[in-house]
Amino acid sequence: MKTAYDIIKRPVVTEQSMELAGMKCYTFEVDPRANKIQIAKAAEEIFGVKVAKVNTLNLQGKVKRQGRYPEGRRPARKKAMITVTEDSKTIEFFEGMV
């Protein structure tokens, strides 16, 4: 059984995600095997907010070279954009960054 902290790995801090945080939409990197229902329950458990909607996005790893022939790939990951309800509180992690 996975815990909520195994499902939500870390926040994604970019310009676009900070703009979305002003509209109560927060972006996190999540476990690639987690579905939207598990992500919503994990966010409600960790942050104590009411989740309205979850959008997910699978990102493939970029192909990178280390020298002449060896070619590798960065790891694939999954992002989730979590929208909380209007009457819900905000997530404190994103408070000082917006």
PDB file of N, CA and C in Angstrom:
ATOM      1  N   MET A   1       0.839  -1.184   0.000  1.00  0.00           N
ATOM      2  CA  MET A   1       0.000   0.000   0.000  1.00  0.00           C
ATOM      3  C   MET A   1       0.880   1.242   0.000  1.00  0.00           C
ATOM      4  N   LYS A   2       0.645   2.126  -0.927  1.00  0.00           N
ATOM      5  CA  LYS A   2       1.430   3.347  -1.013  1.00  0.00           C
ATOM      6  C   LYS A   2       0.858   4.409  -0.098  1.00  0.00           C
ATOM      7  N   THR A   3       1.748   5.181   0.504  1.00  0.00           N
ATOM      8  CA  THR A   3       1.307   6.295   1.332  1.00  0.00           C
ATOM      9  C   THR A   3       1.131   7.527   0.440  1.00  0.00           C
ATOM     10  N   ALA A   4       0.547   8.567   0.999  1.00  0.00           N
ATOM     11  CA  ALA A   4       0.337   9.800   0.244  1.00  0.00           C
ATOM     12  C   ALA A   4       1.662  10.424  -0.158  1.00  0.00           C
ATOM     13  N   TYR A   5       2.676  10.261   0.674  1.00  0.00           N
ATOM     14  CA  TYR A   5       3.985  10.836   0.374  1.00  0.00           C
ATOM     15  C   TYR A   5       4.728  10.056  -0.699  1.00  0.00           C
ATOM     16  N   ASP A   6       4.340   8.810  -0.956  1.00  0.00           N
ATOM     17  CA  ASP A   6       4.904   8.050  -2.068  1.00  0.00           C
ATOM     18  C   ASP A   6       4.274   8.471  -3.385  1.00  0.00           C
ATOM     19  N   ILE A   7       3.035   8.929  -3.351  1.00  0.00           N
ATOM     20  CA  ILE A   7       2.330   9.323  -4.571  1.00  0.00           C
ATOM     21  C   ILE A   7       2.766  10.709  -5.028  1.00  0.00           C
ATOM     22  N   ILE A   8       2.752  11.695  -4.124  1.00  0.00           N
ATOM     23  CA  ILE A   8       3.189  13.051  -4.477  1.00  0.00           C
ATOM     24  C   ILE A   8       4.654  13.176  -4.098  1.00  0.00           C
ATOM     25  N   LYS A   9       5.517  13.335  -5.113  1.00  0.00           N
ATOM     26  CA  LYS A   9       6.959  13.337  -4.875  1.00  0.00           C
ATOM     27  C   LYS A   9       7.487  14.721  -4.519  1.00  0.00           C
ATOM     28  N   ARG A  10       7.239  15.707  -5.392  1.00  0.00           N
ATOM     29  CA  ARG A  10       7.784  17.044  -5.157  1.00  0.00           C
ATOM     30  C   ARG A  10       7.007  18.062  -5.977  1.00  0.00           C
ATOM     31  N   PRO A  11       7.049  19.339  -5.574  1.00  0.00           N
ATOM     32  CA  PRO A  11       6.386  20.372  -6.378  1.00  0.00           C
ATOM     33  C   PRO A  11       7.227  20.738  -7.595  1.00  0.00           C
ATOM     34  N   VAL A  12       6.563  21.170  -8.643  1.00  0.00           N
ATOM     35  CA  VAL A  12       7.238  21.652  -9.851  1.00  0.00           C
ATOM     36  C   VAL A  12       7.206  23.168  -9.791  1.00  0.00           C
ATOM     37  N   VAL A  13       8.394  23.786  -9.728  1.00  0.00           N
ATOM     38  CA  VAL A  13       8.488  25.238  -9.584  1.00  0.00           C
ATOM     39  C   VAL A  13       9.014  25.817 -10.893  1.00  0.00           C
ATOM     40  N   THR A  14       8.107  26.344 -11.704  1.00  0.00           N
ATOM     41  CA  THR A  14       8.453  27.026 -12.948  1.00  0.00           C
ATOM     42  C   THR A  14       7.629  28.303 -13.030  1.00  0.00           C
ATOM     43  N   GLU A  15       7.908  29.124 -14.025  1.00  0.00           N
ATOM     44  CA  GLU A  15       7.137  30.359 -14.190  1.00  0.00           C
ATOM     45  C   GLU A  15       5.659  30.054 -14.424  1.00  0.00           C
ATOM     46  N   GLN A  16       5.389  29.096 -15.278  1.00  0.00           N
ATOM     47  CA  GLN A  16       4.008  28.768 -15.599  1.00  0.00           C
ATOM     48  C   GLN A  16       3.275  28.182 -14.392  1.00  0.00           C
ATOM     49  N   SER A  17       3.950  27.343 -13.614  1.00  0.00           N
ATOM     50  CA  SER A  17       3.284  26.759 -12.448  1.00  0.00           C
ATOM     51  C   SER A  17       3.044  27.808 -11.365  1.00  0.00           C
ATOM     52  N   MET A  18       3.895  28.819 -11.280  1.00  0.00           N
ATOM     53  CA  MET A  18       3.683  29.888 -10.297  1.00  0.00           C
ATOM     54  C   MET A  18       2.497  30.775 -10.699  1.00  0.00           C
ATOM     55  N   GLU A  19       2.300  30.985 -11.993  1.00  0.00           N
ATOM     56  CA  GLU A  19       1.122  31.727 -12.457  1.00  0.00           C
ATOM     57  C   GLU A  19      -0.152  30.951 -12.151  1.00  0.00           C
ATOM     58  N   LEU A  20      -0.115  29.638 -12.356  1.00  0.00           N
ATOM     59  CA  LEU A  20      -1.280  28.808 -12.056  1.00  0.00           C
ATOM     60  C   LEU A  20      -1.567  28.756 -10.562  1.00  0.00           C
ATOM     61  N   ALA A  21      -0.530  28.891  -9.726  1.00  0.00           N
ATOM     62  CA  ALA A  21      -0.734  28.856  -8.276  1.00  0.00           C
ATOM     63  C   ALA A  21      -1.591  30.036  -7.816  1.00  0.00           C
ATOM     64  N   GLY A  22      -1.538  31.154  -8.529  1.00  0.00           N
ATOM     65  CA  GLY A  22      -2.389  32.283  -8.204  1.00  0.00           C
ATOM     66  C   GLY A  22      -3.859  31.992  -8.456  1.00  0.00           C
ATOM     67  N   MET A  23      -4.148  31.018  -9.313  1.00  0.00           N
ATOM     68  CA  MET A  23      -5.524  30.622  -9.611  1.00  0.00           C
ATOM     69  C   MET A  23      -5.907  29.330  -8.880  1.00  0.00           C
ATOM     70  N   LYS A  24      -5.160  29.000  -7.814  1.00  0.00           N
ATOM     71  CA  LYS A  24      -5.391  27.810  -6.993  1.00  0.00           C
ATOM     72  C   LYS A  24      -5.244  26.508  -7.781  1.00  0.00           C
ATOM     73  N   CYS A  25      -4.274  26.476  -8.675  1.00  0.00           N
ATOM     74  CA  CYS A  25      -3.932  25.265  -9.417  1.00  0.00           C
ATOM     75  C   CYS A  25      -2.448  25.001  -9.172  1.00  0.00           C
ATOM     76  N   TYR A  26      -2.127  23.883  -8.525  1.00  0.00           N
ATOM     77  CA  TYR A  26      -0.766  23.590  -8.091  1.00  0.00           C
ATOM     78  C   TYR A  26      -0.226  22.400  -8.864  1.00  0.00           C
ATOM     79  N   THR A  27       1.072  22.452  -9.217  1.00  0.00           N
ATOM     80  CA  THR A  27       1.691  21.429 -10.047  1.00  0.00           C
ATOM     81  C   THR A  27       2.683  20.618  -9.210  1.00  0.00           C
ATOM     82  N   PHE A  28       2.574  19.294  -9.311  1.00  0.00           N
ATOM     83  CA  PHE A  28       3.450  18.386  -8.578  1.00  0.00           C
ATOM     84  C   PHE A  28       3.941  17.287  -9.491  1.00  0.00           C
ATOM     85  N   GLU A  29       5.134  16.755  -9.178  1.00  0.00           N
ATOM     86  CA  GLU A  29       5.592  15.534  -9.824  1.00  0.00           C
ATOM     87  C   GLU A  29       5.059  14.380  -8.991  1.00  0.00           C
ATOM     88  N   VAL A  30       4.448  13.400  -9.643  1.00  0.00           N
ATOM     89  CA  VAL A  30       3.797  12.304  -8.941  1.00  0.00           C
ATOM     90  C   VAL A  30       4.339  10.963  -9.433  1.00  0.00           C
ATOM     91  N   ASP A  31       3.965   9.902  -8.738  1.00  0.00           N
ATOM     92  CA  ASP A  31       4.346   8.549  -9.120  1.00  0.00           C
ATOM     93  C   ASP A  31       3.701   8.212 -10.467  1.00  0.00           C
ATOM     94  N   PRO A  32       4.469   7.687 -11.422  1.00  0.00           N
ATOM     95  CA  PRO A  32       3.905   7.397 -12.749  1.00  0.00           C
ATOM     96  C   PRO A  32       2.774   6.375 -12.745  1.00  0.00           C
ATOM     97  N   ARG A  33       2.690   5.532 -11.733  1.00  0.00           N
ATOM     98  CA  ARG A  33       1.648   4.510 -11.673  1.00  0.00           C
ATOM     99  C   ARG A  33       0.384   4.993 -10.966  1.00  0.00           C
ATOM    100  N   ALA A  34       0.396   6.203 -10.421  1.00  0.00           N
ATOM    101  CA  ALA A  34      -0.756   6.717  -9.675  1.00  0.00           C
ATOM    102  C   ALA A  34      -1.818   7.252 -10.632  1.00  0.00           C
ATOM    103  N   ASN A  35      -3.097   7.038 -10.283  1.00  0.00           N
ATOM    104  CA  ASN A  35      -4.178   7.580 -11.100  1.00  0.00           C
ATOM    105  C   ASN A  35      -4.720   8.854 -10.454  1.00  0.00           C
ATOM    106  N   LYS A  36      -5.694   9.486 -11.098  1.00  0.00           N
ATOM    107  CA  LYS A  36      -6.194  10.783 -10.642  1.00  0.00           C
ATOM    108  C   LYS A  36      -6.874  10.702  -9.277  1.00  0.00           C
ATOM    109  N   ILE A  37      -7.565   9.618  -9.020  1.00  0.00           N
ATOM    110  CA  ILE A  37      -8.259   9.472  -7.735  1.00  0.00           C
ATOM    111  C   ILE A  37      -7.245   9.353  -6.601  1.00  0.00           C
ATOM    112  N   GLN A  38      -6.187   8.575  -6.806  1.00  0.00           N
ATOM    113  CA  GLN A  38      -5.154   8.434  -5.790  1.00  0.00           C
ATOM    114  C   GLN A  38      -4.430   9.754  -5.554  1.00  0.00           C
ATOM    115  N   ILE A  39      -4.181  10.506  -6.605  1.00  0.00           N
ATOM    116  CA  ILE A  39      -3.501  11.796  -6.482  1.00  0.00           C
ATOM    117  C   ILE A  39      -4.370  12.777  -5.701  1.00  0.00           C
ATOM    118  N   ALA A  40      -5.667  12.814  -5.981  1.00  0.00           N
ATOM    119  CA  ALA A  40      -6.575  13.726  -5.278  1.00  0.00           C
ATOM    120  C   ALA A  40      -6.649  13.377  -3.793  1.00  0.00           C
ATOM    121  N   LYS A  41      -6.752  12.090  -3.464  1.00  0.00           N
ATOM    122  CA  LYS A  41      -6.808  11.684  -2.059  1.00  0.00           C
ATOM    123  C   LYS A  41      -5.509  11.996  -1.328  1.00  0.00           C
ATOM    124  N   ALA A  42      -4.368  11.827  -2.008  1.00  0.00           N
ATOM    125  CA  ALA A  42      -3.073  12.127  -1.393  1.00  0.00           C
ATOM    126  C   ALA A  42      -2.928  13.621  -1.115  1.00  0.00           C
ATOM    127  N   ALA A  43      -3.373  14.464  -2.048  1.00  0.00           N
ATOM    128  CA  ALA A  43      -3.284  15.913  -1.857  1.00  0.00           C
ATOM    129  C   ALA A  43      -4.190  16.363  -0.715  1.00  0.00           C
ATOM    130  N   GLU A  44      -5.378  15.785  -0.622  1.00  0.00           N
ATOM    131  CA  GLU A  44      -6.291  16.135   0.471  1.00  0.00           C
ATOM    132  C   GLU A  44      -5.714  15.707   1.818  1.00  0.00           C
ATOM    133  N   GLU A  45      -5.033  14.565   1.849  1.00  0.00           N
ATOM    134  CA  GLU A  45      -4.457  14.070   3.099  1.00  0.00           C
ATOM    135  C   GLU A  45      -3.241  14.894   3.527  1.00  0.00           C
ATOM    136  N   ILE A  46      -2.361  15.208   2.599  1.00  0.00           N
ATOM    137  CA  ILE A  46      -1.121  15.911   2.936  1.00  0.00           C
ATOM    138  C   ILE A  46      -1.381  17.378   3.267  1.00  0.00           C
ATOM    139  N   PHE A  47      -2.118  18.076   2.405  1.00  0.00           N
ATOM    140  CA  PHE A  47      -2.256  19.524   2.530  1.00  0.00           C
ATOM    141  C   PHE A  47      -3.555  19.964   3.202  1.00  0.00           C
ATOM    142  N   GLY A  48      -4.505  19.079   3.382  1.00  0.00           N
ATOM    143  CA  GLY A  48      -5.762  19.434   4.036  1.00  0.00           C
ATOM    144  C   GLY A  48      -6.620  20.368   3.202  1.00  0.00           C
ATOM    145  N   VAL A  49      -6.657  20.172   1.905  1.00  0.00           N
ATOM    146  CA  VAL A  49      -7.461  20.991   0.995  1.00  0.00           C
ATOM    147  C   VAL A  49      -8.535  20.129   0.354  1.00  0.00           C
ATOM    148  N   LYS A  50      -9.504  20.762  -0.267  1.00  0.00           N
ATOM    149  CA  LYS A  50     -10.560  20.066  -1.012  1.00  0.00           C
ATOM    150  C   LYS A  50     -10.221  20.169  -2.499  1.00  0.00           C
ATOM    151  N   VAL A  51      -9.979  19.040  -3.146  1.00  0.00           N
ATOM    152  CA  VAL A  51      -9.566  19.006  -4.550  1.00  0.00           C
ATOM    153  C   VAL A  51     -10.791  19.041  -5.453  1.00  0.00           C
ATOM    154  N   ALA A  52     -10.774  19.961  -6.429  1.00  0.00           N
ATOM    155  CA  ALA A  52     -11.860  20.069  -7.391  1.00  0.00           C
ATOM    156  C   ALA A  52     -11.573  19.244  -8.648  1.00  0.00           C
ATOM    157  N   LYS A  53     -10.311  19.286  -9.128  1.00  0.00           N
ATOM    158  CA  LYS A  53      -9.990  18.645 -10.401  1.00  0.00           C
ATOM    159  C   LYS A  53      -8.512  18.279 -10.424  1.00  0.00           C
ATOM    160  N   VAL A  54      -8.180  17.192 -11.121  1.00  0.00           N
ATOM    161  CA  VAL A  54      -6.796  16.767 -11.298  1.00  0.00           C
ATOM    162  C   VAL A  54      -6.565  16.506 -12.774  1.00  0.00           C
ATOM    163  N   ASN A  55      -5.539  17.155 -13.336  1.00  0.00           N
ATOM    164  CA  ASN A  55      -5.106  16.889 -14.705  1.00  0.00           C
ATOM    165  C   ASN A  55      -3.715  16.279 -14.634  1.00  0.00           C
ATOM    166  N   THR A  56      -3.468  15.231 -15.430  1.00  0.00           N
ATOM    167  CA  THR A  56      -2.171  14.567 -15.414  1.00  0.00           C
ATOM    168  C   THR A  56      -1.520  14.650 -16.777  1.00  0.00           C
ATOM    169  N   LEU A  57      -0.183  14.527 -16.774  1.00  0.00           N
ATOM    170  CA  LEU A  57       0.592  14.639 -17.996  1.00  0.00           C
ATOM    171  C   LEU A  57       1.802  13.723 -17.878  1.00  0.00           C
ATOM    172  N   ASN A  58       1.958  12.778 -18.807  1.00  0.00           N
ATOM    173  CA  ASN A  58       3.127  11.901 -18.838  1.00  0.00           C
ATOM    174  C   ASN A  58       4.195  12.537 -19.713  1.00  0.00           C
ATOM    175  N   LEU A  59       5.404  12.677 -19.180  1.00  0.00           N
ATOM    176  CA  LEU A  59       6.517  13.281 -19.901  1.00  0.00           C
ATOM    177  C   LEU A  59       7.570  12.218 -20.167  1.00  0.00           C
ATOM    178  N   GLN A  60       7.963  12.047 -21.416  1.00  0.00           N
ATOM    179  CA  GLN A  60       9.007  11.105 -21.771  1.00  0.00           C
ATOM    180  C   GLN A  60      10.369  11.733 -21.522  1.00  0.00           C
ATOM    181  N   GLY A  61      11.349  10.913 -21.172  1.00  0.00           N
ATOM    182  CA  GLY A  61      12.698  11.409 -20.923  1.00  0.00           C
ATOM    183  C   GLY A  61      13.383  11.835 -22.209  1.00  0.00           C
ATOM    184  N   LYS A  62      14.193  12.880 -22.095  1.00  0.00           N
ATOM    185  CA  LYS A  62      14.922  13.377 -23.263  1.00  0.00           C
ATOM    186  C   LYS A  62      16.129  12.486 -23.551  1.00  0.00           C
ATOM    187  N   VAL A  63      16.467  12.332 -24.828  1.00  0.00           N
ATOM    188  CA  VAL A  63      17.640  11.562 -25.235  1.00  0.00           C
ATOM    189  C   VAL A  63      18.860  12.462 -25.079  1.00  0.00           C
ATOM    190  N   LYS A  64      19.869  11.961 -24.370  1.00  0.00           N
ATOM    191  CA  LYS A  64      21.099  12.721 -24.121  1.00  0.00           C
ATOM    192  C   LYS A  64      22.303  11.882 -24.486  1.00  0.00           C
ATOM    193  N   ARG A  65      23.384  12.563 -24.878  1.00  0.00           N
ATOM    194  CA  ARG A  65      24.633  11.878 -25.218  1.00  0.00           C
ATOM    195  C   ARG A  65      25.683  12.194 -24.179  1.00  0.00           C
ATOM    196  N   GLN A  66      26.536  11.211 -23.918  1.00  0.00           N
ATOM    197  CA  GLN A  66      27.681  11.388 -23.036  1.00  0.00           C
ATOM    198  C   GLN A  66      28.920  10.997 -23.833  1.00  0.00           C
ATOM    199  N   GLY A  67      29.348  11.860 -24.707  1.00  0.00           N
ATOM    200  CA  GLY A  67      30.505  11.544 -25.529  1.00  0.00           C
ATOM    201  C   GLY A  67      30.088  11.253 -26.959  1.00  0.00           C
ATOM    202  N   ARG A  68      30.824  10.363 -27.627  1.00  0.00           N
ATOM    203  CA  ARG A  68      30.604  10.136 -29.043  1.00  0.00           C
ATOM    204  C   ARG A  68      29.453   9.170 -29.313  1.00  0.00           C
ATOM    205  N   TYR A  69      29.512   7.945 -28.794  1.00  0.00           N
ATOM    206  CA  TYR A  69      28.520   6.938 -29.140  1.00  0.00           C
ATOM    207  C   TYR A  69      27.470   6.654 -28.079  1.00  0.00           C
ATOM    208  N   PRO A  70      27.854   6.576 -26.826  1.00  0.00           N
ATOM    209  CA  PRO A  70      26.841   6.158 -25.848  1.00  0.00           C
ATOM    210  C   PRO A  70      25.683   7.154 -25.796  1.00  0.00           C
ATOM    211  N   GLU A  71      24.522   6.625 -25.957  1.00  0.00           N
ATOM    212  CA  GLU A  71      23.335   7.476 -25.927  1.00  0.00           C
ATOM    213  C   GLU A  71      22.425   6.959 -24.825  1.00  0.00           C
ATOM    214  N   GLY A  72      21.959   7.866 -23.989  1.00  0.00           N
ATOM    215  CA  GLY A  72      21.085   7.473 -22.898  1.00  0.00           C
ATOM    216  C   GLY A  72      19.826   8.311 -22.905  1.00  0.00           C
ATOM    217  N   ARG A  73      18.997   8.056 -21.952  1.00  0.00           N
ATOM    218  CA  ARG A  73      17.726   8.752 -21.864  1.00  0.00           C
ATOM    219  C   ARG A  73      17.504   9.171 -20.418  1.00  0.00           C
ATOM    220  N   ARG A  74      17.048  10.400 -20.227  1.00  0.00           N
ATOM    221  CA  ARG A  74      16.663  10.840 -18.896  1.00  0.00           C
ATOM    222  C   ARG A  74      15.391  10.114 -18.491  1.00  0.00           C
ATOM    223  N   PRO A  75      15.141   9.993 -17.196  1.00  0.00           N
ATOM    224  CA  PRO A  75      13.964   9.215 -16.781  1.00  0.00           C
ATOM    225  C   PRO A  75      12.647   9.897 -17.139  1.00  0.00           C
ATOM    226  N   ALA A  76      11.656   9.081 -17.473  1.00  0.00           N
ATOM    227  CA  ALA A  76      10.312   9.586 -17.731  1.00  0.00           C
ATOM    228  C   ALA A  76       9.668   9.955 -16.405  1.00  0.00           C
ATOM    229  N   ARG A  77       8.713  10.894 -16.432  1.00  0.00           N
ATOM    230  CA  ARG A  77       8.050  11.312 -15.200  1.00  0.00           C
ATOM    231  C   ARG A  77       6.610  11.689 -15.491  1.00  0.00           C
ATOM    232  N   LYS A  78       5.867  11.905 -14.431  1.00  0.00           N
ATOM    233  CA  LYS A  78       4.451  12.253 -14.559  1.00  0.00           C
ATOM    234  C   LYS A  78       4.181  13.486 -13.716  1.00  0.00           C
ATOM    235  N   LYS A  79       3.484  14.460 -14.303  1.00  0.00           N
ATOM    236  CA  LYS A  79       3.108  15.673 -13.595  1.00  0.00           C
ATOM    237  C   LYS A  79       1.604  15.669 -13.373  1.00  0.00           C
ATOM    238  N   ALA A  80       1.191  16.323 -12.295  1.00  0.00           N
ATOM    239  CA  ALA A  80      -0.232  16.458 -12.003  1.00  0.00           C
ATOM    240  C   ALA A  80      -0.507  17.914 -11.647  1.00  0.00           C
ATOM    241  N   MET A  81      -1.522  18.503 -12.284  1.00  0.00           N
ATOM    242  CA  MET A  81      -1.987  19.844 -11.959  1.00  0.00           C
ATOM    243  C   MET A  81      -3.242  19.678 -11.111  1.00  0.00           C
ATOM    244  N   ILE A  82      -3.139  20.058  -9.839  1.00  0.00           N
ATOM    245  CA  ILE A  82      -4.219  19.866  -8.878  1.00  0.00           C
ATOM    246  C   ILE A  82      -4.915  21.203  -8.662  1.00  0.00           C
ATOM    247  N   THR A  83      -6.206  21.270  -8.985  1.00  0.00           N
ATOM    248  CA  THR A  83      -7.004  22.468  -8.769  1.00  0.00           C
ATOM    249  C   THR A  83      -7.836  22.264  -7.514  1.00  0.00           C
ATOM    250  N   VAL A  84      -7.734  23.226  -6.582  1.00  0.00           N
ATOM    251  CA  VAL A  84      -8.510  23.134  -5.345  1.00  0.00           C
ATOM    252  C   VAL A  84      -9.746  24.015  -5.479  1.00  0.00           C
ATOM    253  N   THR A  85     -10.743  23.760  -4.641  1.00  0.00           N
ATOM    254  CA  THR A  85     -11.988  24.527  -4.702  1.00  0.00           C
ATOM    255  C   THR A  85     -11.768  25.952  -4.221  1.00  0.00           C
ATOM    256  N   GLU A  86     -12.699  26.843  -4.567  1.00  0.00           N
ATOM    257  CA  GLU A  86     -12.582  28.256  -4.213  1.00  0.00           C
ATOM    258  C   GLU A  86     -12.650  28.478  -2.704  1.00  0.00           C
ATOM    259  N   ASP A  87     -13.474  27.706  -2.001  1.00  0.00           N
ATOM    260  CA  ASP A  87     -13.614  27.898  -0.559  1.00  0.00           C
ATOM    261  C   ASP A  87     -12.528  27.184   0.239  1.00  0.00           C
ATOM    262  N   SER A  88     -11.653  26.432  -0.422  1.00  0.00           N
ATOM    263  CA  SER A  88     -10.585  25.710   0.249  1.00  0.00           C
ATOM    264  C   SER A  88      -9.410  26.645   0.519  1.00  0.00           C
ATOM    265  N   LYS A  89      -8.589  26.276   1.510  1.00  0.00           N
ATOM    266  CA  LYS A  89      -7.407  27.085   1.794  1.00  0.00           C
ATOM    267  C   LYS A  89      -6.341  26.836   0.735  1.00  0.00           C
ATOM    268  N   THR A  90      -5.325  27.697   0.689  1.00  0.00           N
ATOM    269  CA  THR A  90      -4.244  27.538  -0.273  1.00  0.00           C
ATOM    270  C   THR A  90      -3.178  26.619   0.309  1.00  0.00           C
ATOM    271  N   ILE A  91      -2.301  26.152  -0.543  1.00  0.00           N
ATOM    272  CA  ILE A  91      -1.189  25.307  -0.103  1.00  0.00           C
ATOM    273  C   ILE A  91      -0.054  26.236   0.309  1.00  0.00           C
ATOM    274  N   GLU A  92       0.417  26.101   1.545  1.00  0.00           N
ATOM    275  CA  GLU A  92       1.379  27.043   2.117  1.00  0.00           C
ATOM    276  C   GLU A  92       2.727  27.045   1.414  1.00  0.00           C
ATOM    277  N   PHE A  93       3.092  25.937   0.781  1.00  0.00           N
ATOM    278  CA  PHE A  93       4.395  25.867   0.126  1.00  0.00           C
ATOM    279  C   PHE A  93       4.527  26.925  -0.963  1.00  0.00           C
ATOM    280  N   PHE A  94       3.439  27.213  -1.673  1.00  0.00           N
ATOM    281  CA  PHE A  94       3.478  28.134  -2.799  1.00  0.00           C
ATOM    282  C   PHE A  94       3.201  29.588  -2.385  1.00  0.00           C
ATOM    283  N   GLU A  95       2.959  29.856  -1.095  1.00  0.00           N
ATOM    284  CA  GLU A  95       2.570  31.189  -0.641  1.00  0.00           C
ATOM    285  C   GLU A  95       3.641  32.245  -0.911  1.00  0.00           C
ATOM    286  N   GLY A  96       4.873  32.014  -0.514  1.00  0.00           N
ATOM    287  CA  GLY A  96       5.920  33.013  -0.630  1.00  0.00           C
ATOM    288  C   GLY A  96       6.477  33.174  -2.026  1.00  0.00           C
ATOM    289  N   MET A  97       6.186  32.253  -2.922  1.00  0.00           N
ATOM    290  CA  MET A  97       6.782  32.266  -4.253  1.00  0.00           C
ATOM    291  C   MET A  97       5.965  33.038  -5.275  1.00  0.00           C
ATOM    292  N   VAL A  98       4.693  33.212  -5.036  1.00  0.00           N
ATOM    293  CA  VAL A  98       3.830  33.860  -6.026  1.00  0.00           C
ATOM    294  C   VAL A  98       4.000  35.347  -5.964  1.00  0.00           C
TER     295      VAL A  98
END
